[in-house]
Amino acid sequence: MCDVPLISHRGENGETTQMWNGLTNSGRNKCNSASWEMYPKEQARLLNLIFRKLQKDSKFHVVFICNGAYASRTTISDKSTKCSFHQIVVGPISRPKLSTENVKTRLTVRDEELGNRYLIQQEIPVGATKSQQYCTLELVPHPLGASSSVKFYMQLHSEARLILGPIIGRVTPRTARILIELDRPVFNFACTLLDPATSQR
């Protein structure tokens, strides 16, 4: 998991200025300093490390989950080995104002060698910039190699929007600490734990 996309949608003025459109110039510069594009050597090192591992171990499966201004799925592929992995970007449900600006699909890798070596393809769900969305990521372990499935959903109802997760810290048979995010104050909030095997609450 990463707080900013490894491969940016819109370049240096992309996710950060869309997400934090109310910041001053000094605040905006502070956000941009966290972008991977500001650290091209580290970005190249991480990409090369991932693809070396994918090439050596066919069972290895990696999915990058990042925060961004709107939902998207990006596939990064090595042109020579045909290995690939996904970057999933999810936007915050609590962003107060959604931009109607047209989506620019300029994907950025500052290192020219990386741009020639890797193929980058982006999928942006319909309405990603006009409606708040959430996604589900299902990871399926397998002895011959894990797999994953991602689905995006639009939030069109008027109730309070909620994100459940991620799980923070250690999970035991009886306890788990889970982060819950709401986009507005609520009078009452209750959680119910359901055992999928027995359907008991």
N, C-alpha and C. Protein backbone atom coordinates (compact mmCIF):
# COMPACT_ATOMS: atom_id res chain seq x y z
N MET A 1 0.84 -1.19 0.00
CA MET A 1 0.00 0.00 0.00
C MET A 1 0.88 1.24 0.00
N CYS A 2 0.41 2.27 -0.69
CA CYS A 2 1.18 3.50 -0.82
C CYS A 2 0.22 4.69 -0.79
N ASP A 3 0.69 5.81 -0.22
CA ASP A 3 -0.21 6.97 -0.11
C ASP A 3 -0.35 7.73 -1.42
N VAL A 4 0.56 7.56 -2.37
CA VAL A 4 0.45 8.19 -3.70
C VAL A 4 0.75 7.13 -4.76
N PRO A 5 0.19 7.27 -5.97
CA PRO A 5 0.42 6.26 -7.01
C PRO A 5 1.88 6.13 -7.40
N LEU A 6 2.31 4.89 -7.62
CA LEU A 6 3.66 4.64 -8.11
C LEU A 6 3.82 5.20 -9.52
N ILE A 7 2.80 4.99 -10.37
CA ILE A 7 2.75 5.57 -11.71
C ILE A 7 1.63 6.60 -11.70
N SER A 8 1.97 7.87 -11.87
CA SER A 8 0.99 8.94 -11.74
C SER A 8 0.07 9.00 -12.94
N HIS A 9 -1.22 9.32 -12.69
CA HIS A 9 -2.19 9.50 -13.78
C HIS A 9 -1.87 10.70 -14.63
N ARG A 10 -1.61 11.81 -13.94
CA ARG A 10 -1.65 13.11 -14.61
C ARG A 10 -0.37 13.92 -14.41
N GLY A 11 0.69 13.28 -13.98
CA GLY A 11 1.93 14.01 -13.80
C GLY A 11 1.98 14.74 -12.48
N GLU A 12 2.94 15.62 -12.37
CA GLU A 12 3.21 16.27 -11.10
C GLU A 12 2.05 17.12 -10.60
N ASN A 13 1.20 17.63 -11.50
CA ASN A 13 0.06 18.46 -11.09
C ASN A 13 -1.23 17.66 -11.07
N GLY A 14 -1.15 16.35 -10.92
CA GLY A 14 -2.31 15.49 -11.03
C GLY A 14 -3.05 15.24 -9.75
N GLU A 15 -2.77 14.06 -9.13
CA GLU A 15 -3.58 13.65 -7.98
C GLU A 15 -3.55 14.66 -6.84
N THR A 16 -2.36 15.20 -6.55
CA THR A 16 -2.27 16.05 -5.37
C THR A 16 -3.09 17.32 -5.51
N THR A 17 -3.03 17.98 -6.66
CA THR A 17 -3.80 19.21 -6.82
C THR A 17 -5.29 18.94 -6.95
N GLN A 18 -5.67 17.76 -7.46
CA GLN A 18 -7.08 17.40 -7.54
C GLN A 18 -7.63 17.08 -6.15
N MET A 19 -6.85 16.38 -5.35
CA MET A 19 -7.34 15.98 -4.03
C MET A 19 -7.36 17.15 -3.06
N TRP A 20 -6.31 17.95 -3.10
CA TRP A 20 -6.18 19.02 -2.10
C TRP A 20 -6.33 20.38 -2.77
N ASN A 21 -7.46 20.57 -3.49
CA ASN A 21 -7.64 21.79 -4.28
C ASN A 21 -7.82 23.03 -3.42
N GLY A 22 -7.96 22.86 -2.13
CA GLY A 22 -8.11 24.03 -1.28
C GLY A 22 -6.82 24.48 -0.64
N LEU A 23 -5.71 23.83 -0.94
CA LEU A 23 -4.45 24.16 -0.29
C LEU A 23 -3.83 25.42 -0.88
N THR A 24 -3.02 26.06 -0.10
CA THR A 24 -2.23 27.17 -0.60
C THR A 24 -1.08 26.64 -1.42
N ASN A 25 -0.35 27.55 -2.05
CA ASN A 25 0.78 27.12 -2.86
C ASN A 25 1.81 26.38 -2.04
N SER A 26 2.06 26.86 -0.82
CA SER A 26 3.04 26.18 0.02
C SER A 26 2.58 24.78 0.37
N GLY A 27 1.26 24.63 0.65
CA GLY A 27 0.73 23.30 0.95
C GLY A 27 0.79 22.39 -0.23
N ARG A 28 0.53 22.94 -1.43
CA ARG A 28 0.54 22.14 -2.64
C ARG A 28 1.95 21.64 -2.93
N ASN A 29 2.95 22.50 -2.69
CA ASN A 29 4.32 22.08 -2.91
C ASN A 29 4.71 20.99 -1.94
N LYS A 30 4.18 21.07 -0.74
CA LYS A 30 4.48 20.04 0.25
C LYS A 30 3.91 18.71 -0.18
N CYS A 31 2.68 18.70 -0.75
CA CYS A 31 2.08 17.46 -1.24
C CYS A 31 2.88 16.89 -2.40
N ASN A 32 3.28 17.77 -3.34
CA ASN A 32 3.99 17.30 -4.51
C ASN A 32 5.33 16.70 -4.16
N SER A 33 5.92 17.13 -3.03
CA SER A 33 7.22 16.60 -2.65
C SER A 33 7.14 15.12 -2.30
N ALA A 34 5.91 14.61 -2.05
CA ALA A 34 5.74 13.19 -1.74
C ALA A 34 5.51 12.34 -2.98
N SER A 35 5.42 12.96 -4.17
CA SER A 35 5.15 12.21 -5.39
C SER A 35 6.35 11.36 -5.77
N TRP A 36 6.06 10.17 -6.33
CA TRP A 36 7.14 9.29 -6.79
C TRP A 36 7.94 9.96 -7.89
N GLU A 37 7.33 10.86 -8.65
CA GLU A 37 8.05 11.50 -9.74
C GLU A 37 9.16 12.41 -9.23
N MET A 38 9.09 12.79 -7.97
CA MET A 38 10.16 13.60 -7.38
C MET A 38 11.36 12.74 -7.02
N TYR A 39 11.19 11.41 -7.04
CA TYR A 39 12.27 10.49 -6.68
C TYR A 39 12.41 9.43 -7.77
N PRO A 40 12.88 9.81 -8.96
CA PRO A 40 12.91 8.87 -10.09
C PRO A 40 13.81 7.66 -9.86
N LYS A 41 14.90 7.83 -9.11
CA LYS A 41 15.80 6.69 -8.86
C LYS A 41 15.11 5.64 -8.00
N GLU A 42 14.41 6.10 -6.97
CA GLU A 42 13.69 5.16 -6.10
C GLU A 42 12.54 4.50 -6.85
N GLN A 43 11.86 5.26 -7.70
CA GLN A 43 10.78 4.71 -8.50
C GLN A 43 11.31 3.62 -9.43
N ALA A 44 12.42 3.90 -10.10
CA ALA A 44 13.03 2.91 -11.01
C ALA A 44 13.50 1.68 -10.25
N ARG A 45 14.08 1.89 -9.07
CA ARG A 45 14.57 0.77 -8.27
C ARG A 45 13.43 -0.14 -7.85
N LEU A 46 12.31 0.44 -7.42
CA LEU A 46 11.18 -0.37 -6.99
C LEU A 46 10.57 -1.14 -8.16
N LEU A 47 10.39 -0.48 -9.30
CA LEU A 47 9.85 -1.16 -10.48
C LEU A 47 10.75 -2.31 -10.92
N ASN A 48 12.05 -2.06 -10.97
CA ASN A 48 12.99 -3.12 -11.38
C ASN A 48 12.98 -4.27 -10.39
N LEU A 49 12.87 -3.96 -9.10
CA LEU A 49 12.83 -5.01 -8.08
C LEU A 49 11.59 -5.88 -8.25
N ILE A 50 10.43 -5.26 -8.48
CA ILE A 50 9.19 -6.01 -8.67
C ILE A 50 9.29 -6.93 -9.88
N PHE A 51 9.79 -6.43 -10.99
CA PHE A 51 9.84 -7.25 -12.21
C PHE A 51 10.91 -8.33 -12.14
N ARG A 52 12.00 -8.09 -11.41
CA ARG A 52 12.98 -9.18 -11.22
C ARG A 52 12.37 -10.32 -10.43
N LYS A 53 11.60 -9.97 -9.40
CA LYS A 53 10.93 -10.99 -8.59
C LYS A 53 9.88 -11.73 -9.40
N LEU A 54 9.10 -11.00 -10.21
CA LEU A 54 8.09 -11.64 -11.06
C LEU A 54 8.72 -12.59 -12.07
N GLN A 55 9.88 -12.23 -12.59
CA GLN A 55 10.55 -13.07 -13.58
C GLN A 55 11.12 -14.33 -12.95
N LYS A 56 11.63 -14.21 -11.72
CA LYS A 56 12.27 -15.35 -11.06
C LYS A 56 11.25 -16.31 -10.45
N ASP A 57 10.13 -15.78 -9.98
CA ASP A 57 9.15 -16.60 -9.26
C ASP A 57 7.78 -16.45 -9.92
N SER A 58 7.36 -17.49 -10.62
CA SER A 58 6.07 -17.44 -11.33
C SER A 58 4.88 -17.42 -10.36
N LYS A 59 5.09 -17.81 -9.10
CA LYS A 59 4.02 -17.81 -8.11
C LYS A 59 3.85 -16.46 -7.42
N PHE A 60 4.80 -15.58 -7.64
CA PHE A 60 4.77 -14.27 -6.99
C PHE A 60 3.66 -13.41 -7.58
N HIS A 61 2.87 -12.77 -6.72
CA HIS A 61 1.76 -11.92 -7.17
C HIS A 61 1.78 -10.64 -6.36
N VAL A 62 1.77 -9.52 -7.03
CA VAL A 62 1.83 -8.23 -6.33
C VAL A 62 0.76 -7.30 -6.89
N VAL A 63 0.09 -6.58 -6.00
CA VAL A 63 -0.88 -5.55 -6.38
C VAL A 63 -0.55 -4.30 -5.58
N PHE A 64 -0.31 -3.19 -6.25
CA PHE A 64 -0.04 -1.92 -5.60
C PHE A 64 -1.36 -1.21 -5.35
N ILE A 65 -1.67 -0.88 -4.10
CA ILE A 65 -2.89 -0.16 -3.75
C ILE A 65 -2.49 1.24 -3.30
N CYS A 66 -3.01 2.25 -3.98
CA CYS A 66 -2.59 3.63 -3.74
C CYS A 66 -3.78 4.56 -3.55
N ASN A 67 -3.50 5.68 -2.96
CA ASN A 67 -4.49 6.74 -2.80
C ASN A 67 -4.37 7.71 -3.97
N GLY A 68 -5.49 8.26 -4.43
CA GLY A 68 -5.45 9.21 -5.54
C GLY A 68 -6.72 10.03 -5.59
N ALA A 69 -6.84 10.87 -6.60
CA ALA A 69 -8.00 11.75 -6.71
C ALA A 69 -9.24 11.02 -7.17
N TYR A 70 -9.08 9.93 -7.92
CA TYR A 70 -10.21 9.16 -8.43
C TYR A 70 -9.76 7.74 -8.70
N ALA A 71 -10.73 6.85 -8.88
CA ALA A 71 -10.44 5.43 -9.03
C ALA A 71 -9.84 5.11 -10.39
N SER A 72 -8.93 4.15 -10.41
CA SER A 72 -8.37 3.67 -11.68
C SER A 72 -7.64 2.36 -11.45
N ARG A 73 -7.42 1.65 -12.54
CA ARG A 73 -6.60 0.44 -12.52
C ARG A 73 -5.55 0.59 -13.62
N THR A 74 -4.28 0.48 -13.26
CA THR A 74 -3.18 0.62 -14.21
C THR A 74 -2.42 -0.70 -14.28
N THR A 75 -2.17 -1.17 -15.48
CA THR A 75 -1.37 -2.39 -15.70
C THR A 75 0.00 -1.98 -16.19
N ILE A 76 1.03 -2.39 -15.46
CA ILE A 76 2.42 -2.12 -15.84
C ILE A 76 3.03 -3.43 -16.31
N SER A 77 3.50 -3.49 -17.56
CA SER A 77 4.01 -4.73 -18.16
C SER A 77 5.43 -4.52 -18.64
N ASP A 78 6.25 -5.57 -18.46
CA ASP A 78 7.60 -5.58 -19.01
C ASP A 78 7.52 -6.05 -20.46
N LYS A 79 7.98 -5.23 -21.39
CA LYS A 79 7.84 -5.54 -22.81
C LYS A 79 8.62 -6.79 -23.22
N SER A 80 9.74 -7.06 -22.55
CA SER A 80 10.58 -8.20 -22.95
C SER A 80 10.13 -9.51 -22.32
N THR A 81 9.76 -9.49 -21.04
CA THR A 81 9.40 -10.73 -20.34
C THR A 81 7.90 -10.99 -20.33
N LYS A 82 7.08 -9.97 -20.64
CA LYS A 82 5.61 -10.05 -20.62
C LYS A 82 5.05 -10.18 -19.20
N CYS A 83 5.90 -10.04 -18.18
CA CYS A 83 5.40 -10.03 -16.80
C CYS A 83 4.67 -8.71 -16.55
N SER A 84 3.70 -8.74 -15.64
CA SER A 84 2.93 -7.53 -15.37
C SER A 84 2.38 -7.54 -13.94
N PHE A 85 2.02 -6.37 -13.46
CA PHE A 85 1.32 -6.26 -12.18
C PHE A 85 0.37 -5.07 -12.26
N HIS A 86 -0.57 -5.00 -11.31
CA HIS A 86 -1.60 -3.95 -11.31
C HIS A 86 -1.34 -2.92 -10.22
N GLN A 87 -1.65 -1.69 -10.54
CA GLN A 87 -1.72 -0.62 -9.56
C GLN A 87 -3.18 -0.19 -9.45
N ILE A 88 -3.75 -0.30 -8.27
CA ILE A 88 -5.14 0.08 -8.02
C ILE A 88 -5.15 1.40 -7.25
N VAL A 89 -5.82 2.39 -7.80
CA VAL A 89 -5.92 3.69 -7.14
C VAL A 89 -7.36 3.91 -6.71
N VAL A 90 -7.55 4.29 -5.45
CA VAL A 90 -8.89 4.59 -4.93
C VAL A 90 -8.89 6.01 -4.39
N GLY A 91 -9.97 6.73 -4.63
CA GLY A 91 -10.09 8.11 -4.15
C GLY A 91 -10.80 8.17 -2.82
N PRO A 92 -10.61 9.24 -2.06
CA PRO A 92 -11.25 9.35 -0.74
C PRO A 92 -12.74 9.62 -0.86
N ILE A 93 -13.53 8.98 -0.01
CA ILE A 93 -14.98 9.21 -0.03
C ILE A 93 -15.33 10.54 0.61
N SER A 94 -14.42 11.12 1.39
CA SER A 94 -14.74 12.34 2.12
C SER A 94 -14.29 13.60 1.40
N ARG A 95 -13.85 13.49 0.16
CA ARG A 95 -13.46 14.70 -0.56
C ARG A 95 -14.70 15.58 -0.75
N PRO A 96 -14.67 16.85 -0.34
CA PRO A 96 -15.89 17.66 -0.34
C PRO A 96 -16.36 18.08 -1.72
N LYS A 97 -15.46 18.23 -2.66
CA LYS A 97 -15.86 18.74 -3.97
C LYS A 97 -15.24 17.89 -5.06
N LEU A 98 -16.08 17.35 -5.94
CA LEU A 98 -15.59 16.53 -7.04
C LEU A 98 -15.38 17.39 -8.27
N SER A 99 -14.25 17.19 -8.92
CA SER A 99 -13.94 17.99 -10.09
C SER A 99 -14.66 17.44 -11.31
N THR A 100 -15.07 18.35 -12.19
CA THR A 100 -15.67 17.93 -13.46
C THR A 100 -14.67 18.05 -14.60
N GLU A 101 -13.40 18.31 -14.25
CA GLU A 101 -12.37 18.45 -15.27
C GLU A 101 -12.19 17.13 -16.01
N ASN A 102 -11.98 17.21 -17.32
CA ASN A 102 -11.77 16.00 -18.11
C ASN A 102 -10.53 15.26 -17.64
N VAL A 103 -10.60 13.95 -17.67
CA VAL A 103 -9.49 13.12 -17.22
C VAL A 103 -8.39 13.14 -18.27
N LYS A 104 -7.19 13.43 -17.82
CA LYS A 104 -6.04 13.37 -18.71
C LYS A 104 -5.31 12.06 -18.43
N THR A 105 -5.03 11.31 -19.46
CA THR A 105 -4.46 9.98 -19.26
C THR A 105 -2.96 9.95 -19.50
N ARG A 106 -2.29 11.09 -19.31
CA ARG A 106 -0.84 11.11 -19.48
C ARG A 106 -0.21 10.45 -18.26
N LEU A 107 0.33 9.26 -18.45
CA LEU A 107 0.99 8.54 -17.37
C LEU A 107 2.46 8.92 -17.35
N THR A 108 3.00 9.06 -16.16
CA THR A 108 4.34 9.62 -16.08
C THR A 108 5.34 8.67 -15.46
N VAL A 109 6.46 8.50 -16.14
CA VAL A 109 7.66 7.87 -15.60
C VAL A 109 8.81 8.77 -16.03
N ARG A 110 9.44 9.43 -15.10
CA ARG A 110 10.45 10.42 -15.47
C ARG A 110 11.66 9.76 -16.12
N ASP A 111 12.02 8.55 -15.66
CA ASP A 111 13.17 7.84 -16.22
C ASP A 111 12.83 7.38 -17.64
N GLU A 112 13.55 7.90 -18.64
CA GLU A 112 13.24 7.57 -20.04
C GLU A 112 13.45 6.09 -20.33
N GLU A 113 14.46 5.49 -19.69
CA GLU A 113 14.73 4.06 -19.90
C GLU A 113 13.55 3.21 -19.43
N LEU A 114 12.95 3.59 -18.31
CA LEU A 114 11.78 2.86 -17.81
C LEU A 114 10.61 3.01 -18.77
N GLY A 115 10.44 4.20 -19.31
CA GLY A 115 9.35 4.43 -20.25
C GLY A 115 9.47 3.58 -21.50
N ASN A 116 10.70 3.28 -21.91
CA ASN A 116 10.91 2.44 -23.09
C ASN A 116 10.80 0.95 -22.75
N ARG A 117 11.10 0.60 -21.51
CA ARG A 117 11.12 -0.81 -21.12
C ARG A 117 9.74 -1.34 -20.75
N TYR A 118 8.91 -0.50 -20.16
CA TYR A 118 7.63 -0.95 -19.64
C TYR A 118 6.46 -0.36 -20.42
N LEU A 119 5.42 -1.15 -20.56
CA LEU A 119 4.17 -0.72 -21.18
C LEU A 119 3.17 -0.40 -20.08
N ILE A 120 2.58 0.79 -20.13
CA ILE A 120 1.66 1.23 -19.09
C ILE A 120 0.29 1.46 -19.70
N GLN A 121 -0.71 0.72 -19.20
CA GLN A 121 -2.09 0.84 -19.69
C GLN A 121 -3.00 1.17 -18.52
N GLN A 122 -3.87 2.14 -18.72
CA GLN A 122 -4.74 2.61 -17.65
C GLN A 122 -6.21 2.41 -17.97
N GLU A 123 -6.96 2.01 -16.96
CA GLU A 123 -8.41 1.85 -17.08
C GLU A 123 -9.07 2.72 -16.02
N ILE A 124 -9.86 3.68 -16.46
CA ILE A 124 -10.56 4.57 -15.54
C ILE A 124 -12.05 4.26 -15.60
N PRO A 125 -12.67 3.85 -14.49
CA PRO A 125 -14.11 3.54 -14.52
C PRO A 125 -14.94 4.73 -14.99
N VAL A 126 -16.04 4.45 -15.67
CA VAL A 126 -16.92 5.50 -16.16
C VAL A 126 -17.45 6.32 -14.97
N GLY A 127 -17.36 7.62 -15.07
CA GLY A 127 -17.85 8.49 -14.01
C GLY A 127 -16.92 8.64 -12.84
N ALA A 128 -15.67 8.23 -13.00
CA ALA A 128 -14.73 8.26 -11.87
C ALA A 128 -14.51 9.65 -11.32
N THR A 129 -14.56 10.67 -12.17
CA THR A 129 -14.34 12.03 -11.69
C THR A 129 -15.62 12.76 -11.33
N LYS A 130 -16.78 12.13 -11.54
CA LYS A 130 -18.05 12.80 -11.30
C LYS A 130 -18.82 12.21 -10.13
N SER A 131 -18.46 11.02 -9.69
CA SER A 131 -19.17 10.38 -8.59
C SER A 131 -18.17 9.67 -7.70
N GLN A 132 -18.40 9.74 -6.40
CA GLN A 132 -17.53 9.04 -5.47
C GLN A 132 -17.66 7.54 -5.67
N GLN A 133 -16.55 6.84 -5.57
CA GLN A 133 -16.53 5.41 -5.84
C GLN A 133 -15.77 4.67 -4.75
N TYR A 134 -15.98 3.37 -4.72
CA TYR A 134 -15.15 2.50 -3.90
C TYR A 134 -14.88 1.24 -4.69
N CYS A 135 -13.92 0.46 -4.25
CA CYS A 135 -13.60 -0.76 -4.98
C CYS A 135 -13.39 -1.90 -4.00
N THR A 136 -13.54 -3.12 -4.49
CA THR A 136 -13.25 -4.32 -3.71
C THR A 136 -12.10 -5.05 -4.38
N LEU A 137 -11.18 -5.53 -3.57
CA LEU A 137 -10.04 -6.29 -4.06
C LEU A 137 -10.08 -7.67 -3.41
N GLU A 138 -10.22 -8.69 -4.23
CA GLU A 138 -10.28 -10.07 -3.74
C GLU A 138 -8.99 -10.79 -4.12
N LEU A 139 -8.26 -11.24 -3.12
CA LEU A 139 -7.01 -11.98 -3.34
C LEU A 139 -7.27 -13.47 -3.14
N VAL A 140 -6.86 -14.28 -4.11
CA VAL A 140 -7.10 -15.72 -4.07
C VAL A 140 -5.76 -16.45 -4.04
N PRO A 141 -5.39 -17.03 -2.89
CA PRO A 141 -4.14 -17.79 -2.84
C PRO A 141 -4.25 -19.11 -3.59
N HIS A 142 -3.14 -19.56 -4.15
CA HIS A 142 -3.13 -20.82 -4.89
C HIS A 142 -1.70 -21.36 -4.91
N PRO A 143 -1.53 -22.68 -4.77
CA PRO A 143 -0.17 -23.25 -4.78
C PRO A 143 0.61 -22.93 -6.04
N LEU A 144 -0.07 -22.76 -7.16
CA LEU A 144 0.61 -22.49 -8.43
C LEU A 144 0.70 -21.00 -8.74
N GLY A 145 0.27 -20.17 -7.80
CA GLY A 145 0.33 -18.73 -8.01
C GLY A 145 -0.96 -18.05 -7.65
N ALA A 146 -0.88 -17.01 -6.84
CA ALA A 146 -2.08 -16.29 -6.40
C ALA A 146 -2.66 -15.46 -7.54
N SER A 147 -3.91 -15.06 -7.37
CA SER A 147 -4.56 -14.19 -8.34
C SER A 147 -5.39 -13.16 -7.58
N SER A 148 -5.84 -12.13 -8.29
CA SER A 148 -6.64 -11.10 -7.65
C SER A 148 -7.71 -10.60 -8.61
N SER A 149 -8.78 -10.08 -8.03
CA SER A 149 -9.89 -9.55 -8.82
C SER A 149 -10.31 -8.21 -8.22
N VAL A 150 -10.49 -7.20 -9.07
CA VAL A 150 -10.85 -5.86 -8.62
C VAL A 150 -12.16 -5.45 -9.27
N LYS A 151 -13.08 -4.90 -8.47
CA LYS A 151 -14.34 -4.38 -8.99
C LYS A 151 -14.56 -2.98 -8.43
N PHE A 152 -15.01 -2.06 -9.28
CA PHE A 152 -15.30 -0.69 -8.87
C PHE A 152 -16.81 -0.48 -8.79
N TYR A 153 -17.25 0.26 -7.77
CA TYR A 153 -18.67 0.55 -7.58
C TYR A 153 -18.85 2.05 -7.38
N MET A 154 -19.96 2.57 -7.90
CA MET A 154 -20.27 3.99 -7.74
C MET A 154 -21.19 4.20 -6.55
N GLN A 155 -20.94 5.29 -5.82
CA GLN A 155 -21.77 5.65 -4.67
C GLN A 155 -22.78 6.71 -5.12
N LEU A 156 -24.01 6.28 -5.41
CA LEU A 156 -25.02 7.22 -5.90
C LEU A 156 -26.15 7.47 -4.90
N HIS A 157 -26.11 6.79 -3.76
CA HIS A 157 -27.20 6.97 -2.79
C HIS A 157 -26.88 8.13 -1.85
N SER A 158 -27.90 8.56 -1.10
CA SER A 158 -27.76 9.75 -0.27
C SER A 158 -27.32 9.45 1.16
N GLU A 159 -27.21 8.18 1.52
CA GLU A 159 -26.80 7.84 2.88
C GLU A 159 -25.32 8.18 3.08
N ALA A 160 -24.91 8.16 4.33
CA ALA A 160 -23.50 8.40 4.63
C ALA A 160 -22.65 7.33 3.96
N ARG A 161 -21.59 7.76 3.34
CA ARG A 161 -20.70 6.84 2.66
C ARG A 161 -19.65 6.34 3.64
N LEU A 162 -19.31 5.08 3.51
CA LEU A 162 -18.45 4.44 4.50
C LEU A 162 -17.38 3.60 3.81
N ILE A 163 -16.19 3.66 4.36
CA ILE A 163 -15.12 2.74 3.95
C ILE A 163 -14.75 1.93 5.18
N LEU A 164 -14.76 0.62 5.05
CA LEU A 164 -14.39 -0.28 6.14
C LEU A 164 -13.03 -0.86 5.82
N GLY A 165 -12.07 -0.58 6.65
CA GLY A 165 -10.73 -1.08 6.42
C GLY A 165 -9.79 0.07 6.11
N PRO A 166 -8.50 -0.13 6.16
CA PRO A 166 -7.86 -1.44 6.30
C PRO A 166 -7.79 -1.91 7.75
N ILE A 167 -7.36 -3.15 7.91
CA ILE A 167 -7.10 -3.70 9.23
C ILE A 167 -5.77 -3.15 9.72
N ILE A 168 -5.74 -2.65 10.94
CA ILE A 168 -4.54 -2.03 11.49
C ILE A 168 -3.93 -2.95 12.54
N GLY A 169 -2.67 -3.26 12.37
CA GLY A 169 -1.97 -4.06 13.36
C GLY A 169 -2.27 -5.55 13.28
N ARG A 170 -2.13 -6.21 14.40
CA ARG A 170 -2.23 -7.65 14.46
C ARG A 170 -3.67 -8.13 14.57
N VAL A 171 -3.95 -9.25 13.92
CA VAL A 171 -5.27 -9.87 13.98
C VAL A 171 -5.15 -11.16 14.78
N THR A 172 -6.02 -11.34 15.78
CA THR A 172 -6.05 -12.57 16.57
C THR A 172 -7.38 -13.27 16.31
N PRO A 173 -7.53 -14.52 16.80
CA PRO A 173 -8.82 -15.21 16.61
C PRO A 173 -10.01 -14.47 17.21
N ARG A 174 -9.76 -13.55 18.16
CA ARG A 174 -10.87 -12.87 18.83
C ARG A 174 -10.89 -11.36 18.63
N THR A 175 -9.81 -10.77 18.15
CA THR A 175 -9.77 -9.32 18.04
C THR A 175 -9.15 -8.87 16.71
N ALA A 176 -9.58 -7.69 16.29
CA ALA A 176 -9.00 -7.03 15.11
C ALA A 176 -9.33 -5.55 15.20
N ARG A 177 -8.38 -4.72 14.85
CA ARG A 177 -8.60 -3.28 14.84
C ARG A 177 -8.78 -2.84 13.39
N ILE A 178 -9.95 -2.25 13.09
CA ILE A 178 -10.30 -1.90 11.71
C ILE A 178 -10.59 -0.41 11.63
N LEU A 179 -9.98 0.26 10.67
CA LEU A 179 -10.22 1.68 10.46
C LEU A 179 -11.52 1.87 9.68
N ILE A 180 -12.39 2.75 10.18
CA ILE A 180 -13.67 3.05 9.52
C ILE A 180 -13.70 4.54 9.19
N GLU A 181 -14.03 4.88 7.95
CA GLU A 181 -14.10 6.27 7.51
C GLU A 181 -15.51 6.59 7.03
N LEU A 182 -16.06 7.69 7.55
CA LEU A 182 -17.37 8.20 7.11
C LEU A 182 -17.19 9.57 6.48
N ASP A 183 -18.08 9.93 5.56
CA ASP A 183 -17.94 11.22 4.89
C ASP A 183 -18.78 12.31 5.53
N ARG A 184 -19.45 12.02 6.66
CA ARG A 184 -20.26 13.03 7.33
C ARG A 184 -20.56 12.56 8.76
N PRO A 185 -20.92 13.48 9.67
CA PRO A 185 -21.30 13.06 11.03
C PRO A 185 -22.59 12.25 11.01
N VAL A 186 -22.70 11.28 11.91
CA VAL A 186 -23.92 10.47 12.03
C VAL A 186 -24.33 10.42 13.50
N PHE A 187 -25.66 10.26 13.75
CA PHE A 187 -26.15 10.20 15.13
C PHE A 187 -25.84 8.86 15.77
N ASN A 188 -26.02 7.79 15.00
CA ASN A 188 -25.77 6.45 15.54
C ASN A 188 -24.93 5.65 14.55
N PHE A 189 -24.09 4.81 15.12
CA PHE A 189 -23.26 3.95 14.28
C PHE A 189 -23.08 2.62 15.00
N ALA A 190 -23.41 1.53 14.34
CA ALA A 190 -23.30 0.20 14.95
C ALA A 190 -22.61 -0.76 13.99
N CYS A 191 -21.82 -1.66 14.55
CA CYS A 191 -21.14 -2.68 13.76
C CYS A 191 -21.65 -4.06 14.18
N THR A 192 -21.87 -4.91 13.22
CA THR A 192 -22.31 -6.28 13.47
C THR A 192 -21.34 -7.24 12.82
N LEU A 193 -20.84 -8.19 13.59
CA LEU A 193 -19.92 -9.19 13.07
C LEU A 193 -20.72 -10.44 12.70
N LEU A 194 -20.59 -10.88 11.46
CA LEU A 194 -21.32 -12.04 10.97
C LEU A 194 -20.34 -13.13 10.58
N ASP A 195 -20.53 -14.33 11.15
CA ASP A 195 -19.72 -15.48 10.79
C ASP A 195 -20.26 -16.06 9.49
N PRO A 196 -19.49 -16.01 8.39
CA PRO A 196 -20.02 -16.50 7.11
C PRO A 196 -20.29 -18.00 7.09
N ALA A 197 -19.62 -18.73 7.97
CA ALA A 197 -19.81 -20.19 8.00
C ALA A 197 -21.09 -20.58 8.71
N THR A 198 -21.39 -19.90 9.83
CA THR A 198 -22.56 -20.28 10.63
C THR A 198 -23.70 -19.28 10.53
N SER A 199 -23.45 -18.11 9.92
CA SER A 199 -24.43 -17.02 9.81
C SER A 199 -24.82 -16.47 11.17
N GLN A 200 -24.01 -16.72 12.19
CA GLN A 200 -24.29 -16.20 13.53
C GLN A 200 -23.71 -14.80 13.67
N ARG A 201 -24.43 -13.95 14.43
CA ARG A 201 -23.96 -12.59 14.68
C ARG A 201 -23.33 -12.48 16.05
